[in-house]
C-alpha atoms as a PDB file:
ATOM      1  CA  MET A   1      -1.744 112.654 -52.952  1.00  0.00           C
ATOM      2  CA  THR A   2      -3.901 111.977 -55.955  1.00  0.00           C
ATOM      3  CA  ILE A   3      -2.723 114.836 -57.821  1.00  0.00           C
ATOM      4  CA  GLY A   4       0.848 113.320 -57.488  1.00  0.00           C
ATOM      5  CA  THR A   5      -0.005 109.793 -58.487  1.00  0.00           C
ATOM      6  CA  GLY A   6      -1.477 111.305 -61.574  1.00  0.00           C
ATOM      7  CA  VAL A   7       1.250 112.905 -62.263  1.00  0.00           C
ATOM      8  CA  VAL A   8       3.661 109.678 -61.558  1.00  0.00           C
ATOM      9  CA  LEU A   9       1.381 107.745 -64.029  1.00  0.00           C
ATOM     10  CA  PHE A  10       1.324 110.164 -66.812  1.00  0.00           C
ATOM     11  CA  VAL A  11       5.282 110.244 -66.469  1.00  0.00           C
ATOM     12  CA  ILE A  12       5.584 106.807 -66.867  1.00  0.00           C
ATOM     13  CA  GLY A  13       3.345 106.236 -69.515  1.00  0.00           C
ATOM     14  CA  ALA A  14       5.123 108.631 -71.633  1.00  0.00           C
ATOM     15  CA  ILE A  15       8.435 106.748 -71.186  1.00  0.00           C
ATOM     16  CA  LEU A  16       6.662 103.801 -72.063  1.00  0.00           C
ATOM     17  CA  THR A  17       5.168 105.476 -74.788  1.00  0.00           C
ATOM     18  CA  PHE A  18       7.931 107.797 -76.464  1.00  0.00           C
ATOM     19  CA  ALA A  19      11.163 106.921 -74.624  1.00  0.00           C
ATOM     20  CA  LEU A  20      11.478 102.837 -75.093  1.00  0.00           C
ATOM     21  CA  ASN A  21      11.587 100.907 -78.527  1.00  0.00           C
ATOM     22  CA  VAL A  22      11.447  97.705 -76.640  1.00  0.00           C
ATOM     23  CA  ASP A  23       9.381  95.179 -78.533  1.00  0.00           C
ATOM     24  CA  VAL A  24       7.841  92.413 -76.450  1.00  0.00           C
ATOM     25  CA  GLY A  25       5.720  89.569 -77.513  1.00  0.00           C
ATOM     26  CA  TRP A  26       3.215  89.781 -74.969  1.00  0.00           C
ATOM     27  CA  ALA A  27       2.416  93.230 -74.392  1.00  0.00           C
ATOM     28  CA  ASP A  28       2.424  96.338 -77.166  1.00  0.00           C
ATOM     29  CA  LEU A  29       3.946  98.983 -74.479  1.00  0.00           C
ATOM     30  CA  ASP A  30       2.835 101.659 -76.914  1.00  0.00           C
ATOM     31  CA  MET A  31      -0.611 100.883 -75.630  1.00  0.00           C
ATOM     32  CA  VAL A  32       0.425 100.355 -72.338  1.00  0.00           C
ATOM     33  CA  GLY A  33       1.913 103.800 -71.976  1.00  0.00           C
ATOM     34  CA  TYR A  34      -1.149 105.511 -73.284  1.00  0.00           C
ATOM     35  CA  ILE A  35      -3.134 103.872 -70.938  1.00  0.00           C
ATOM     36  CA  LEU A  36      -1.324 104.917 -68.040  1.00  0.00           C
ATOM     37  CA  MET A  37      -1.039 108.467 -69.276  1.00  0.00           C
ATOM     38  CA  GLY A  38      -4.932 108.492 -69.583  1.00  0.00           C
ATOM     39  CA  ALA A  39      -5.280 106.871 -65.792  1.00  0.00           C
ATOM     40  CA  GLY A  40      -2.805 109.933 -64.768  1.00  0.00           C
ATOM     41  CA  VAL A  41      -4.610 112.559 -66.418  1.00  0.00           C
ATOM     42  CA  VAL A  42      -8.057 111.262 -64.944  1.00  0.00           C
ATOM     43  CA  ALA A  43      -6.194 110.901 -61.370  1.00  0.00           C
ATOM     44  CA  PHE A  44      -5.077 114.303 -61.561  1.00  0.00           C
ATOM     45  CA  LEU A  45      -8.469 115.793 -62.446  1.00  0.00           C
ATOM     46  CA  VAL A  46      -9.875 114.048 -59.414  1.00  0.00           C
ATOM     47  CA  GLY A  47      -7.271 115.351 -57.110  1.00  0.00           C
ATOM     48  CA  LEU A  48      -7.887 118.689 -58.430  1.00  0.00           C
ATOM     49  CA  VAL A  49     -11.658 118.514 -57.866  1.00  0.00           C
ATOM     50  CA  LEU A  50     -11.338 116.947 -54.224  1.00  0.00           C
ATOM     51  CA  MET A  51      -9.037 119.668 -53.324  1.00  0.00           C
ATOM     52  CA  ALA A  52     -11.188 122.461 -54.565  1.00  0.00           C
ATOM     53  CA  ARG A  53     -13.777 120.872 -52.827  1.00  0.00           C
ATOM     54  CA  ARG A  54     -11.885 120.847 -49.402  1.00  0.00           C
ATOM     55  CA  ARG A  55     -11.090 124.342 -49.753  1.00  0.00           C
ATOM     56  CA  ARG A  56     -14.915 125.420 -49.901  1.00  0.00           C
ATOM     57  CA  THR A  57     -16.128 128.241 -47.055  1.00  0.00           C
ATOM     58  CA  ASP A  58     -19.416 129.165 -45.824  1.00  0.00           C
ATOM     59  CA  VAL A  59     -20.506 132.764 -45.239  1.00  0.00           C
ATOM     60  CA  VAL A  60     -23.044 133.832 -43.054  1.00  0.00           C
ATOM     61  CA  THR A  61     -24.482 137.073 -42.433  1.00  0.00           C
ATOM     62  CA  ARG A  62     -26.859 137.399 -39.389  1.00  0.00           C
ATOM     63  CA  THR A  63     -28.687 140.408 -38.664  1.00  0.00           C
ATOM     64  CA  GLU A  64     -29.464 140.987 -34.835  1.00  0.00           C
ATOM     65  CA  PRO A  65     -31.322 143.252 -32.553  1.00  0.00           C
ATOM     66  CA  ALA A  66     -29.095 145.290 -30.458  1.00  0.00           C
ATOM     67  CA  ALA A  67     -29.202 148.365 -28.006  1.00  0.00           C
ATOM     68  CA  GLY A  68     -30.152 151.442 -30.288  1.00  0.00           C
ATOM     69  CA  GLY A  69     -30.723 149.917 -33.394  1.00  0.00           C
ATOM     70  CA  TYR A  70     -29.784 146.403 -35.060  1.00  0.00           C
ATOM     71  CA  GLU A  71     -26.492 145.111 -35.435  1.00  0.00           C
ATOM     72  CA  THR A  72     -25.040 142.896 -38.555  1.00  0.00           C
ATOM     73  CA  ARG A  73     -22.681 140.084 -37.732  1.00  0.00           C
ATOM     74  CA  ARG A  74     -20.529 138.254 -40.783  1.00  0.00           C
ATOM     75  CA  SER A  75     -18.940 135.008 -39.677  1.00  0.00           C
ATOM     76  CA  THR A  76     -16.684 132.920 -42.421  1.00  0.00           C
ATOM     77  CA  ARG A  77     -15.809 129.263 -41.544  1.00  0.00           C
ATOM     78  CA  ALA A  78     -13.484 126.687 -43.703  1.00  0.00           C
ATOM     79  CA  ALA A  79     -14.690 123.105 -44.537  1.00  0.00           C
ATOM     80  CA  GLY A  80     -14.129 121.403 -41.467  1.00  0.00           C
ATOM     81  CA  ASP A  81     -13.898 124.078 -38.972  1.00  0.00           C
ATOM     82  CA  GLU A  82     -16.018 124.404 -35.987  1.00  0.00           C
ATOM     83  CA  GLU A  83     -19.497 126.604 -36.746  1.00  0.00           C
ATOM     84  CA  VAL A  84     -19.007 129.979 -34.758  1.00  0.00           C
ATOM     85  CA  PHE A  85     -21.146 132.506 -34.188  1.00  0.00           C
END
């Protein structure tokens, strides 16, 4: 949701800055557009960072004694999964 919000803010800011030629006395629409584009970029980057953290996985390698020698087991789990050994 954060990535989509960032894109929407950026698009609205670009429209205010580059597409509208309206002069209002109480606000500078170009500056408001630049602020919205900056907020959109920040929201987009925060969304990418949160998505990258969510997809992190842990790999655990264990060597255990078994009949006739040692056995190596490797298990992988994603963030949010239960531990499986």
